Amino acid sequence: MQTKTKFKKTLIGEIPEDWEVVRLERVVDIYDNLRVPLSEMERADRKGPYPYCGANGIIDYIDDYIFEGEYILLAEDGGRYGSFEPSAYIMTGKFWVNNHAHVLKAKEGVADNWFILYVLNFLDLTPYVVGSTRKKLNQSHMRKILISLPPLSEQKQIAQILRTVDEAIEKTDLAIEKTERLKKGLMQRLLTRGINLFAINQHKLIKAIGRAFKNRDYAFGREENLVSHLAGYLREEFPNWNIDSEVEKDSRRRRPDIIVHKRGTPFNLFAIEVKKIEDANAIKHDIEKLENLMLGERYRYAEAVFVGFNIKNPDKISSLSEKVNFILVTEDGKIYIKPRERTFKKTEIGEIPEEWRVVRIKDTGKVITGKTPPTSEARYWNGGIPFITPADVGDAPYVYTTNRYVSKEGAEKVGSLLPKDTVLVVCIGSTIGKIALTYQESITNQQINAIICKENITPHYLYYTLLFHSKRLKSWSGTAAVPIIKKSLFEKFKIPLPPLSEQQKIAEILMTVDRKLELLRRRREKLERIKKGLMRDLLTGRRRVRVE
């Protein structure tokens, strides 16, 4: 049975009876006399592999080192000195230190470097700091810092527990960095070069076409029989889409054999023409229909696909179009695939895919500039409706919480509510160009322009493309002391716009990455909370560790 810890009162609060309160100078050796500052110009001529360290971490790499081993670096000036703030860090190996960080090493047999590090980052050091503008922890004050000191074996156990959490935080940080790099690369690729939805879904198309060949649906009856069966197989492969087959051959409507779309919406994925035999003239007619009608302004299908059975010369047939995707099945069942070759065009905002358009913000939806309800009227505030300001816009796509909320009456005072998935763009102030989406019905202040998207615009696509073009958007704010992009100017800002199905797929891919980032950031926040709780308990003796 574990003995209950007895505590004693000290200058720094209650601590276990077997702990001491000591000055920092009693438990560390100080090596400040060995520090050598180098100017930026001097460092420019001395580039090398060794870290050059300052108050808050590594600031450069140079050709030589002063210290070798494991040391604690504690910010002398320019640091953060509050409780749970990183005023100190550990350096190991060979490195150089300037005169903005104290260089400390725990006395052998008395203290542990990592324990001292965690104590320094746990304590509020501001009482030891001097200076009003640039805070400074000079050496004389640093020496007098009071810390609670357990026996050395317990110090090491405490440090090991906290290091385990730190290692988990470091791994999470690396995962966040890796995922952020992935997102940046995907945005560059997807928002300038687009995505071939045929290439992404071709395995589903091939599976359905393979079943039609295996079941010899092409061999019996009229071509409509093949089309009907193939449409049925496609319904199994694309359960979230509507698959319609045009059995009646109405020359006036010129509908394709099969369409993959979402009925009653502008989401048009595939227009598919099917031939059961190689008939050159009929195939040319079908391809012309796909190119001129289904890929044209009237229908704007994301991809056109020609499917042919009993094809003797697939190279010849697939050469008939560069805009259409081909899946051709030879007489012996071999499947020949030729994705379309995407072409690009130069525009005023850069090179984009040929079938994309350049549109203004005002073409994507209704633009609304926010307003603030009168702050003197209490009835307008402290309700359940988020009041979004630039301070509430972070790195995540959605604004989940806000600093202030308004009542229903407050929202009605300034206009109608913004629906979920409204795109928000900060257009006034130092954070101009920040982008977000509403997570629920909300209102915004006057620094934010909101875009309620039209039916043919995917809000998440608009969010990501504005995020990608935010630097160009910022440049529209001019050189005024307070940057501003007026609504009338904002509405003229131009962006690239793919067909709706491609917008949706691009947004879906980037949203998947953002969901992963959000989970990683939440994990990091949880680990930080765990670490703070452990520091609070372990470094005060509220929770004792078992020492063998």
Protein backbone atom coordinates (compact mmCIF):
# COMPACT_ATOMS: atom_id res chain seq x y z
CA MET A 1 0.00 0.00 0.00
CA GLN A 2 1.40 3.38 -1.07
CA THR A 3 2.12 5.76 1.78
CA LYS A 4 0.20 9.04 1.63
CA THR A 5 2.50 11.96 0.80
CA LYS A 6 2.99 14.53 3.55
CA PHE A 7 3.44 18.16 2.49
CA LYS A 8 5.21 21.16 3.95
CA LYS A 9 4.66 24.87 3.35
CA THR A 10 7.45 26.77 1.56
CA LEU A 11 8.07 30.10 -0.16
CA ILE A 12 6.82 28.61 -3.44
CA GLY A 13 3.85 26.71 -2.01
CA GLU A 14 3.27 23.26 -0.57
CA ILE A 15 5.71 20.53 -1.60
CA PRO A 16 6.40 16.98 -0.35
CA GLU A 17 8.35 16.82 2.90
CA ASP A 18 11.29 15.03 1.25
CA TRP A 19 11.66 17.72 -1.45
CA GLU A 20 13.76 20.87 -1.15
CA VAL A 21 13.34 24.47 -2.26
CA VAL A 22 16.60 25.67 -3.82
CA ARG A 23 17.92 28.48 -5.93
CA LEU A 24 18.64 27.55 -9.53
CA GLU A 25 22.33 28.42 -9.10
CA ARG A 26 22.65 25.57 -6.56
CA VAL A 27 21.68 22.86 -9.04
CA VAL A 28 23.17 24.05 -12.37
CA ASP A 29 26.55 25.12 -13.71
CA ILE A 30 26.44 28.32 -15.75
CA TYR A 31 28.49 28.70 -18.95
CA ASP A 32 27.44 32.18 -20.09
CA ASN A 33 31.08 33.31 -20.25
CA LEU A 34 31.66 31.00 -23.25
CA ARG A 35 28.92 32.51 -25.43
CA VAL A 36 29.93 34.47 -28.55
CA PRO A 37 27.41 36.52 -30.55
CA LEU A 38 27.83 36.74 -34.33
CA SER A 39 26.11 39.30 -36.52
CA GLU A 40 23.99 38.23 -39.49
CA MET A 41 26.74 39.49 -41.80
CA GLU A 42 29.38 37.46 -39.98
CA ARG A 43 27.21 34.34 -40.14
CA ALA A 44 26.65 34.82 -43.87
CA ASP A 45 30.39 34.21 -44.41
CA ARG A 46 30.47 31.20 -42.09
CA LYS A 47 27.75 28.84 -43.30
CA GLY A 48 28.14 25.27 -42.06
CA PRO A 49 26.47 22.29 -40.33
CA TYR A 50 26.46 23.49 -36.69
CA PRO A 51 23.35 25.08 -35.11
CA TYR A 52 23.67 28.75 -34.06
CA CYS A 53 21.24 29.18 -31.14
CA GLY A 54 19.43 32.14 -29.64
CA ALA A 55 16.77 32.82 -27.02
CA ASN A 56 14.01 30.75 -28.63
CA GLY A 57 15.82 28.10 -30.65
CA ILE A 58 18.10 27.57 -33.64
CA ILE A 59 18.33 30.68 -35.82
CA ASP A 60 21.13 29.72 -38.24
CA TYR A 61 23.82 27.16 -39.11
CA ILE A 62 27.54 28.02 -39.16
CA ASP A 63 30.96 26.41 -39.64
CA ASP A 64 32.05 25.96 -36.00
CA TYR A 65 30.77 25.17 -32.50
CA ILE A 66 31.46 26.23 -28.92
CA PHE A 67 29.54 23.62 -26.93
CA GLU A 68 29.38 19.86 -27.19
CA GLY A 69 27.07 17.68 -25.13
CA GLU A 70 23.64 18.24 -23.56
CA TYR A 71 22.80 21.70 -22.22
CA ILE A 72 19.76 23.73 -21.17
CA LEU A 73 19.36 27.05 -22.98
CA LEU A 74 17.22 29.58 -21.08
CA ALA A 75 16.11 32.77 -22.80
CA GLU A 76 17.95 35.83 -21.44
CA ASP A 77 15.93 38.35 -23.44
CA GLY A 78 13.18 38.16 -26.01
CA GLY A 79 11.79 34.96 -24.46
CA ARG A 80 8.39 33.92 -23.18
CA TYR A 81 8.44 33.68 -19.41
CA GLY A 82 4.90 32.84 -18.31
CA SER A 83 3.81 29.57 -16.77
CA PHE A 84 3.76 26.69 -19.30
CA GLU A 85 5.58 28.85 -21.84
CA PRO A 86 8.78 27.55 -23.52
CA SER A 87 11.34 29.82 -21.87
CA ALA A 88 13.98 27.05 -22.08
CA TYR A 89 14.95 24.24 -24.45
CA ILE A 90 17.52 21.43 -24.61
CA MET A 91 20.40 21.34 -27.11
CA THR A 92 22.52 18.26 -27.69
CA GLY A 93 25.57 17.59 -29.84
CA LYS A 94 27.77 20.38 -31.19
CA PHE A 95 26.39 23.93 -31.38
CA TRP A 96 27.07 27.65 -30.92
CA VAL A 97 25.14 30.02 -28.62
CA ASN A 98 24.79 33.81 -28.84
CA ASN A 99 24.37 36.16 -25.87
CA HIS A 100 20.55 35.98 -25.83
CA ALA A 101 20.37 32.60 -24.07
CA HIS A 102 21.84 31.45 -20.75
CA VAL A 103 23.76 28.18 -21.06
CA LEU A 104 23.14 25.79 -18.15
CA LYS A 105 23.96 22.20 -17.25
CA ALA A 106 22.56 20.30 -14.26
CA LYS A 107 25.18 19.56 -11.62
CA GLU A 108 26.13 15.89 -11.75
CA GLY A 109 24.63 13.86 -8.93
CA VAL A 110 22.35 16.75 -7.93
CA ALA A 111 19.90 17.41 -10.74
CA ASP A 112 18.73 16.16 -14.14
CA ASN A 113 18.86 18.39 -17.23
CA TRP A 114 15.41 17.39 -18.46
CA PHE A 115 13.82 17.81 -15.04
CA ILE A 116 15.28 21.33 -14.77
CA LEU A 117 13.99 22.09 -18.28
CA TYR A 118 10.43 21.08 -17.38
CA VAL A 119 10.55 23.04 -14.11
CA LEU A 120 11.69 26.20 -15.90
CA ASN A 121 8.93 25.85 -18.51
CA PHE A 122 6.34 25.15 -15.80
CA LEU A 123 7.17 28.11 -13.54
CA ASP A 124 6.03 31.68 -14.01
CA LEU A 125 9.39 33.44 -14.40
CA THR A 126 7.98 36.93 -14.96
CA PRO A 127 8.77 38.04 -11.35
CA TYR A 128 12.46 37.55 -12.17
CA VAL A 129 12.30 39.49 -15.46
CA VAL A 130 13.19 43.18 -15.84
CA GLY A 131 12.44 45.67 -18.62
CA SER A 132 9.15 47.02 -19.96
CA THR A 133 9.60 46.81 -23.74
CA ARG A 134 12.08 43.95 -24.28
CA LYS A 135 11.87 41.56 -21.34
CA LYS A 136 15.23 40.46 -19.91
CA LEU A 137 16.14 37.72 -17.46
CA ASN A 138 19.63 38.79 -16.43
CA GLN A 139 22.03 36.33 -14.85
CA SER A 140 21.82 37.70 -11.31
CA HIS A 141 18.03 37.29 -11.30
CA MET A 142 18.23 33.95 -13.09
CA ARG A 143 20.46 32.57 -10.33
CA LYS A 144 17.79 33.40 -7.72
CA ILE A 145 14.96 31.45 -9.37
CA LEU A 146 13.43 29.20 -6.71
CA ILE A 147 12.54 25.65 -7.70
CA SER A 148 11.27 22.58 -5.86
CA LEU A 149 13.75 19.72 -6.05
CA PRO A 150 12.87 16.04 -5.49
CA PRO A 151 15.54 13.36 -5.00
CA LEU A 152 17.56 12.76 -8.20
CA SER A 153 15.98 9.36 -8.91
CA GLU A 154 12.49 10.90 -8.78
CA GLN A 155 13.61 13.81 -10.99
CA LYS A 156 14.68 11.32 -13.65
CA GLN A 157 11.39 9.40 -13.44
CA ILE A 158 9.35 12.61 -13.74
CA ALA A 159 11.46 13.78 -16.69
CA GLN A 160 11.05 10.42 -18.44
CA ILE A 161 7.25 10.54 -18.17
CA LEU A 162 7.13 14.09 -19.58
CA ARG A 163 9.62 13.23 -22.33
CA THR A 164 7.36 10.37 -23.45
CA VAL A 165 4.52 12.88 -23.95
CA ASP A 166 6.90 15.29 -25.71
CA GLU A 167 7.96 12.53 -28.10
CA ALA A 168 4.31 11.90 -28.96
CA ILE A 169 3.86 15.65 -29.58
CA GLU A 170 6.95 15.71 -31.82
CA LYS A 171 5.64 12.76 -33.87
CA THR A 172 2.31 14.53 -34.25
CA ASP A 173 4.07 17.74 -35.33
CA LEU A 174 5.96 15.79 -38.00
CA ALA A 175 2.70 14.23 -39.22
CA ILE A 176 1.11 17.71 -39.37
CA GLU A 177 4.06 19.10 -41.35
CA LYS A 178 3.95 16.16 -43.78
CA THR A 179 0.18 16.52 -44.28
CA GLU A 180 0.48 20.29 -44.79
CA ARG A 181 3.11 19.70 -47.48
CA LEU A 182 0.79 17.17 -49.13
CA LYS A 183 -2.08 19.66 -49.07
CA LYS A 184 0.07 22.42 -50.56
CA GLY A 185 1.21 20.13 -53.38
CA LEU A 186 -2.33 18.91 -54.07
CA MET A 187 -3.70 22.45 -54.18
CA GLN A 188 -1.00 23.48 -56.65
CA ARG A 189 -1.80 20.48 -58.87
CA LEU A 190 -5.58 20.29 -58.60
CA LEU A 191 -6.38 24.02 -58.70
CA THR A 192 -4.23 24.73 -61.78
CA ARG A 193 -4.16 21.45 -63.76
CA GLY A 194 -7.43 19.90 -62.65
CA ILE A 195 -8.29 16.23 -62.30
CA ASN A 196 -9.33 13.60 -64.85
CA LEU A 197 -12.48 12.07 -63.39
CA PHE A 198 -12.33 9.33 -66.01
CA ALA A 199 -8.88 8.25 -64.77
CA ILE A 200 -10.12 8.21 -61.15
CA ASN A 201 -13.22 6.14 -61.97
CA GLN A 202 -11.96 4.02 -64.88
CA HIS A 203 -11.66 0.87 -62.71
CA LYS A 204 -15.42 1.05 -62.05
CA LEU A 205 -16.18 1.58 -65.74
CA ILE A 206 -13.88 -1.29 -66.75
CA LYS A 207 -15.51 -3.61 -64.20
CA ALA A 208 -18.97 -2.91 -65.63
CA ILE A 209 -17.78 -3.24 -69.24
CA GLY A 210 -15.96 -6.48 -68.38
CA ARG A 211 -19.23 -7.93 -67.04
CA ALA A 212 -21.02 -6.94 -70.24
CA PHE A 213 -18.37 -8.79 -72.29
CA LYS A 214 -18.35 -11.84 -70.01
CA ASN A 215 -22.16 -12.09 -70.17
CA ARG A 216 -22.04 -11.57 -73.98
CA ASP A 217 -24.60 -8.75 -73.73
CA TYR A 218 -23.15 -7.33 -76.96
CA ALA A 219 -23.89 -10.54 -78.88
CA PHE A 220 -27.66 -10.74 -78.58
CA GLY A 221 -30.46 -8.49 -79.75
CA ARG A 222 -30.24 -4.86 -80.66
CA GLU A 223 -27.67 -2.38 -79.36
CA GLU A 224 -30.28 -1.10 -76.90
CA ASN A 225 -30.06 -4.47 -75.12
CA LEU A 226 -26.32 -3.94 -74.52
CA VAL A 227 -26.92 -0.37 -73.35
CA SER A 228 -29.62 -1.46 -70.90
CA HIS A 229 -27.46 -4.20 -69.36
CA LEU A 230 -24.38 -1.97 -69.17
CA ALA A 231 -26.43 0.75 -67.43
CA GLY A 232 -27.51 -1.82 -64.84
CA TYR A 233 -23.89 -2.81 -64.13
CA LEU A 234 -22.91 0.85 -63.83
CA ARG A 235 -25.66 1.43 -61.23
CA GLU A 236 -23.92 -1.14 -59.02
CA GLU A 237 -20.54 0.57 -59.47
CA PHE A 238 -21.87 4.13 -58.96
CA PRO A 239 -24.53 3.73 -56.23
CA ASN A 240 -24.48 7.43 -55.31
CA TRP A 241 -25.20 8.57 -58.87
CA ASN A 242 -28.21 8.32 -61.17
CA ILE A 243 -27.58 6.16 -64.24
CA ASP A 244 -30.00 6.85 -67.10
CA SER A 245 -29.95 4.99 -70.42
CA GLU A 246 -31.44 6.53 -73.57
CA VAL A 247 -33.19 3.53 -75.07
CA GLU A 248 -35.30 5.55 -77.48
CA LYS A 249 -33.08 6.89 -80.28
CA ASP A 250 -34.59 10.35 -80.73
CA SER A 251 -32.43 12.19 -83.26
CA ARG A 252 -33.88 15.56 -82.27
CA ARG A 253 -32.76 15.26 -78.63
CA ARG A 254 -29.43 13.62 -79.50
CA ARG A 255 -29.05 12.23 -75.99
CA PRO A 256 -26.12 9.88 -75.30
CA ASP A 257 -26.69 6.17 -74.67
CA ILE A 258 -25.89 6.42 -70.96
CA ILE A 259 -25.48 9.35 -68.60
CA VAL A 260 -24.00 9.28 -65.08
CA HIS A 261 -25.36 12.31 -63.23
CA LYS A 262 -27.35 13.50 -60.24
CA ARG A 263 -30.92 13.97 -61.39
CA GLY A 264 -32.36 17.45 -60.86
CA THR A 265 -28.95 18.99 -60.18
CA PRO A 266 -26.12 20.40 -62.35
CA PHE A 267 -23.86 17.42 -61.38
CA ASN A 268 -23.11 15.75 -64.73
CA LEU A 269 -20.27 13.20 -64.49
CA PHE A 270 -20.13 10.97 -67.62
CA ALA A 271 -21.80 11.05 -71.01
CA ILE A 272 -21.28 7.58 -72.56
CA GLU A 273 -21.82 6.36 -76.11
CA VAL A 274 -21.83 2.61 -76.77
CA LYS A 275 -21.32 0.58 -79.96
CA LYS A 276 -21.56 -3.22 -80.15
CA ILE A 277 -19.57 -3.48 -83.40
CA GLU A 278 -16.90 -1.46 -85.18
CA ASP A 279 -18.86 0.80 -87.54
CA ALA A 280 -16.58 3.73 -88.49
CA ASN A 281 -19.32 6.12 -89.64
CA ALA A 282 -21.56 5.46 -86.64
CA ILE A 283 -18.62 5.84 -84.26
CA LYS A 284 -17.62 9.19 -85.83
CA HIS A 285 -21.21 10.39 -85.41
CA ASP A 286 -21.24 9.39 -81.73
CA ILE A 287 -17.91 11.07 -81.04
CA GLU A 288 -19.07 14.27 -82.73
CA LYS A 289 -22.14 14.23 -80.50
CA LEU A 290 -20.01 13.80 -77.38
CA GLU A 291 -17.59 16.57 -78.34
CA ASN A 292 -20.03 19.19 -79.58
CA LEU A 293 -23.05 18.65 -77.39
CA MET A 294 -22.25 16.78 -74.18
CA LEU A 295 -18.98 18.63 -73.51
CA GLY A 296 -20.45 21.93 -74.69
CA GLU A 297 -21.99 24.81 -72.75
CA ARG A 298 -25.49 23.29 -72.70
CA TYR A 299 -24.71 20.13 -70.72
CA ARG A 300 -21.10 20.57 -69.57
CA TYR A 301 -20.43 16.92 -68.66
CA ALA A 302 -17.17 16.47 -66.81
CA GLU A 303 -16.07 13.60 -69.08
CA ALA A 304 -17.21 11.99 -72.31
CA VAL A 305 -16.58 8.27 -72.79
CA PHE A 306 -16.87 6.11 -75.90
CA VAL A 307 -17.27 2.37 -75.26
CA GLY A 308 -16.84 -0.02 -78.19
CA PHE A 309 -17.12 -3.81 -78.45
CA ASN A 310 -15.71 -6.11 -81.16
CA ILE A 311 -13.13 -3.47 -82.05
CA LYS A 312 -10.54 -4.71 -84.56
CA ASN A 313 -8.39 -1.58 -84.76
CA PRO A 314 -8.38 0.23 -81.38
CA ASP A 315 -5.52 2.57 -82.33
CA LYS A 316 -7.46 3.88 -85.34
CA ILE A 317 -10.71 4.33 -83.41
CA SER A 318 -9.06 6.04 -80.41
CA SER A 319 -7.32 8.51 -82.73
CA LEU A 320 -10.67 10.02 -83.74
CA SER A 321 -10.75 12.43 -80.75
CA GLU A 322 -8.45 14.05 -78.21
CA LYS A 323 -11.38 15.23 -76.08
CA VAL A 324 -13.10 11.88 -75.52
CA ASN A 325 -11.98 8.97 -73.32
CA PHE A 326 -12.00 5.53 -74.97
CA ILE A 327 -12.62 2.04 -73.56
CA LEU A 328 -12.46 -0.42 -76.43
CA VAL A 329 -12.96 -4.19 -76.19
CA THR A 330 -11.43 -6.38 -78.88
CA GLU A 331 -13.07 -9.55 -80.23
CA ASP A 332 -11.00 -11.70 -77.86
CA GLY A 333 -11.89 -9.60 -74.78
CA LYS A 334 -8.77 -7.47 -74.43
CA ILE A 335 -9.58 -4.00 -73.08
CA TYR A 336 -7.87 -0.98 -74.61
CA ILE A 337 -7.98 2.29 -72.61
CA LYS A 338 -7.09 5.74 -73.85
CA PRO A 339 -7.80 8.68 -71.48
CA ARG A 340 -8.28 12.02 -73.17
CA GLU A 341 -5.31 14.36 -73.31
CA ARG A 342 -6.05 17.51 -71.36
CA THR A 343 -5.21 20.74 -73.18
CA PHE A 344 -4.60 24.10 -71.56
CA LYS A 345 -5.20 27.73 -72.42
CA LYS A 346 -3.58 30.96 -71.31
CA THR A 347 -5.81 33.38 -69.39
CA GLU A 348 -5.41 36.63 -67.47
CA ILE A 349 -5.02 34.60 -64.26
CA GLY A 350 -2.62 32.01 -65.67
CA GLU A 351 -2.80 28.76 -67.61
CA ILE A 352 -5.87 26.60 -66.93
CA PRO A 353 -7.51 23.54 -68.53
CA GLU A 354 -9.27 24.25 -71.84
CA GLU A 355 -12.74 23.39 -70.56
CA TRP A 356 -12.44 25.56 -67.44
CA ARG A 357 -13.79 29.11 -67.39
CA VAL A 358 -12.55 32.31 -65.80
CA VAL A 359 -15.34 33.88 -63.74
CA ARG A 360 -15.75 36.79 -61.35
CA ILE A 361 -16.69 36.34 -57.71
CA LYS A 362 -20.07 37.93 -58.45
CA ASP A 363 -20.71 35.10 -60.96
CA THR A 364 -20.31 32.44 -58.24
CA GLY A 365 -22.98 33.66 -55.87
CA LYS A 366 -24.50 36.48 -53.84
CA VAL A 367 -21.91 38.66 -52.06
CA ILE A 368 -22.94 40.12 -48.69
CA THR A 369 -20.86 42.46 -46.51
CA GLY A 370 -21.43 41.87 -42.81
CA LYS A 371 -22.67 44.31 -40.18
CA THR A 372 -22.35 44.57 -36.41
CA PRO A 373 -25.51 44.94 -34.31
CA PRO A 374 -25.43 47.93 -31.92
CA THR A 375 -23.22 46.88 -29.01
CA SER A 376 -25.10 49.21 -26.65
CA GLU A 377 -28.26 47.09 -27.00
CA ALA A 378 -27.97 44.03 -24.74
CA ARG A 379 -30.96 42.31 -26.36
CA TYR A 380 -28.96 41.87 -29.56
CA TRP A 381 -26.16 39.87 -27.90
CA ASN A 382 -25.35 36.65 -26.02
CA GLY A 383 -27.72 34.47 -28.00
CA GLY A 384 -26.89 31.29 -29.91
CA ILE A 385 -25.98 32.66 -33.34
CA PRO A 386 -22.24 32.93 -34.12
CA PHE A 387 -20.97 36.47 -34.81
CA ILE A 388 -17.89 35.89 -36.96
CA THR A 389 -15.00 38.37 -37.05
CA PRO A 390 -11.48 37.97 -38.52
CA ALA A 391 -10.22 36.86 -35.09
CA ASP A 392 -12.47 33.78 -35.33
CA VAL A 393 -11.02 32.66 -38.69
CA GLY A 394 -8.23 30.11 -38.19
CA ASP A 395 -6.42 27.46 -40.22
CA ALA A 396 -9.34 25.00 -40.39
CA PRO A 397 -11.90 25.40 -43.21
CA TYR A 398 -14.86 25.81 -40.83
CA VAL A 399 -15.50 28.40 -38.10
CA TYR A 400 -16.77 26.16 -35.32
CA THR A 401 -16.81 28.66 -32.44
CA THR A 402 -16.69 32.43 -32.10
CA ASN A 403 -15.76 34.89 -29.38
CA ARG A 404 -19.18 36.48 -29.44
CA TYR A 405 -22.74 35.38 -30.26
CA VAL A 406 -25.84 37.35 -31.16
CA SER A 407 -29.51 36.78 -30.50
CA LYS A 408 -32.09 36.13 -33.20
CA GLU A 409 -33.16 39.76 -32.82
CA GLY A 410 -29.54 40.88 -33.27
CA ALA A 411 -29.21 38.86 -36.47
CA GLU A 412 -32.46 40.27 -37.84
CA LYS A 413 -31.24 43.80 -37.04
CA VAL A 414 -28.35 43.51 -39.53
CA GLY A 415 -30.01 41.37 -42.20
CA SER A 416 -30.62 37.72 -42.97
CA LEU A 417 -28.61 34.80 -41.62
CA LEU A 418 -25.82 33.28 -43.69
CA PRO A 419 -26.51 29.56 -44.32
CA LYS A 420 -24.08 26.73 -43.57
CA ASP A 421 -21.22 26.47 -46.13
CA THR A 422 -21.22 30.18 -46.91
CA VAL A 423 -17.71 31.22 -48.02
CA LEU A 424 -16.20 33.99 -45.87
CA VAL A 425 -13.37 36.29 -46.99
CA VAL A 426 -11.71 38.88 -44.76
CA CYS A 427 -11.51 42.07 -46.85
CA ILE A 428 -10.47 44.71 -44.27
CA GLY A 429 -7.55 44.78 -41.85
CA SER A 430 -4.20 43.13 -41.25
CA THR A 431 -5.59 39.61 -41.82
CA ILE A 432 -7.04 40.46 -45.23
CA GLY A 433 -7.31 37.40 -47.46
CA LYS A 434 -8.16 34.89 -44.71
CA ILE A 435 -10.82 32.43 -45.91
CA ALA A 436 -13.31 30.23 -44.05
CA LEU A 437 -16.71 28.53 -44.26
CA THR A 438 -19.69 28.88 -41.93
CA TYR A 439 -20.36 25.71 -39.94
CA GLN A 440 -23.89 26.81 -39.05
CA GLU A 441 -26.21 29.76 -39.64
CA SER A 442 -24.18 32.86 -38.73
CA ILE A 443 -23.61 36.56 -39.28
CA THR A 444 -20.32 38.45 -39.73
CA ASN A 445 -18.96 41.89 -39.02
CA GLN A 446 -18.23 44.47 -41.70
CA GLN A 447 -14.65 43.25 -42.26
CA ILE A 448 -15.92 40.11 -43.95
CA ASN A 449 -17.54 39.59 -47.35
CA ALA A 450 -19.67 36.45 -47.53
CA ILE A 451 -20.49 34.48 -50.69
CA ILE A 452 -23.68 32.40 -50.77
CA CYS A 453 -22.91 30.08 -53.68
CA LYS A 454 -25.10 29.44 -56.68
CA GLU A 455 -26.31 25.92 -57.44
CA ASN A 456 -23.53 25.29 -59.97
CA ILE A 457 -20.76 26.22 -57.50
CA THR A 458 -19.36 23.86 -54.87
CA PRO A 459 -18.70 26.01 -51.77
CA HIS A 460 -15.68 23.96 -50.74
CA TYR A 461 -14.14 24.34 -54.19
CA LEU A 462 -14.63 28.11 -53.97
CA TYR A 463 -13.06 28.07 -50.48
CA TYR A 464 -9.95 26.22 -51.69
CA THR A 465 -9.48 28.21 -54.89
CA LEU A 466 -9.77 31.52 -52.98
CA LEU A 467 -7.31 30.17 -50.41
CA PHE A 468 -4.93 29.27 -53.25
CA HIS A 469 -5.30 32.72 -54.83
CA SER A 470 -5.28 34.63 -51.51
CA LYS A 471 -1.89 36.24 -52.20
CA ARG A 472 -3.24 37.72 -55.44
CA LEU A 473 -6.37 38.81 -53.59
CA LYS A 474 -4.28 40.59 -50.92
CA SER A 475 -2.48 42.54 -53.64
CA TRP A 476 -5.83 44.13 -54.53
CA SER A 477 -5.94 45.92 -51.17
CA GLY A 478 -3.46 48.64 -52.20
CA THR A 479 -1.07 50.45 -49.88
CA ALA A 480 -3.48 52.12 -47.45
CA ALA A 481 -2.64 52.15 -43.73
CA VAL A 482 -5.65 49.88 -43.17
CA PRO A 483 -5.81 47.39 -46.07
CA ILE A 484 -9.26 47.16 -47.65
CA ILE A 485 -10.91 45.51 -50.65
CA LYS A 486 -14.30 47.14 -51.21
CA LYS A 487 -17.23 44.89 -52.09
CA SER A 488 -17.53 46.34 -55.61
CA LEU A 489 -13.88 45.51 -56.28
CA PHE A 490 -14.03 42.12 -54.54
CA GLU A 491 -16.90 41.06 -56.80
CA LYS A 492 -14.65 41.59 -59.84
CA PHE A 493 -11.88 39.28 -58.56
CA LYS A 494 -11.41 36.45 -61.06
CA ILE A 495 -10.93 32.75 -60.37
CA PRO A 496 -10.79 29.57 -62.50
CA LEU A 497 -13.94 27.44 -62.55
CA PRO A 498 -14.09 23.77 -63.63
CA PRO A 499 -17.29 21.86 -64.44
CA LEU A 500 -19.35 21.14 -61.32
CA SER A 501 -18.44 17.45 -61.03
CA GLU A 502 -14.74 18.32 -61.20
CA GLN A 503 -15.22 21.08 -58.61
CA GLN A 504 -16.81 18.51 -56.33
CA LYS A 505 -14.01 15.95 -56.75
CA ILE A 506 -11.25 18.52 -56.22
CA ALA A 507 -12.99 19.75 -53.06
CA GLU A 508 -13.54 16.17 -51.86
CA ILE A 509 -9.83 15.33 -52.14
CA LEU A 510 -8.71 18.49 -50.34
CA MET A 511 -11.41 18.11 -47.66
CA THR A 512 -10.09 14.60 -46.93
CA VAL A 513 -6.62 16.05 -46.30
CA ASP A 514 -8.07 18.84 -44.14
CA ARG A 515 -10.03 16.32 -42.07
CA LYS A 516 -6.76 14.47 -41.41
CA LEU A 517 -5.09 17.75 -40.45
CA GLU A 518 -7.95 18.58 -38.11
CA LEU A 519 -7.65 15.20 -36.36
CA LEU A 520 -3.88 15.64 -35.99
CA ARG A 521 -4.26 19.15 -34.57
CA ARG A 522 -6.87 17.94 -32.09
CA ARG A 523 -4.55 15.11 -31.08
CA ARG A 524 -1.78 17.63 -30.52
CA GLU A 525 -4.05 19.83 -28.40
CA LYS A 526 -5.05 16.79 -26.33
CA LEU A 527 -1.40 15.83 -25.79
CA GLU A 528 -0.59 19.39 -24.73
CA ARG A 529 -3.44 19.26 -22.19
CA ILE A 530 -2.16 15.93 -20.89
CA LYS A 531 1.37 17.33 -20.61
CA LYS A 532 0.21 20.42 -18.71
CA GLY A 533 -1.79 18.27 -16.32
CA LEU A 534 1.18 15.98 -15.71
CA MET A 535 3.52 18.94 -15.20
CA ARG A 536 1.11 20.49 -12.72
CA ASP A 537 0.86 17.23 -10.75
CA LEU A 538 4.37 15.78 -11.05
CA LEU A 539 6.38 18.99 -10.58
CA THR A 540 4.50 19.93 -7.40
CA GLY A 541 4.46 16.44 -5.88
CA ARG A 542 0.67 16.10 -6.00
CA ARG A 543 1.27 12.90 -7.87
CA ARG A 544 4.30 10.83 -6.85
CA VAL A 545 6.12 8.45 -9.15
CA ARG A 546 7.27 5.01 -8.09
CA VAL A 547 11.07 4.92 -7.82
CA GLU A 548 12.74 1.50 -7.83
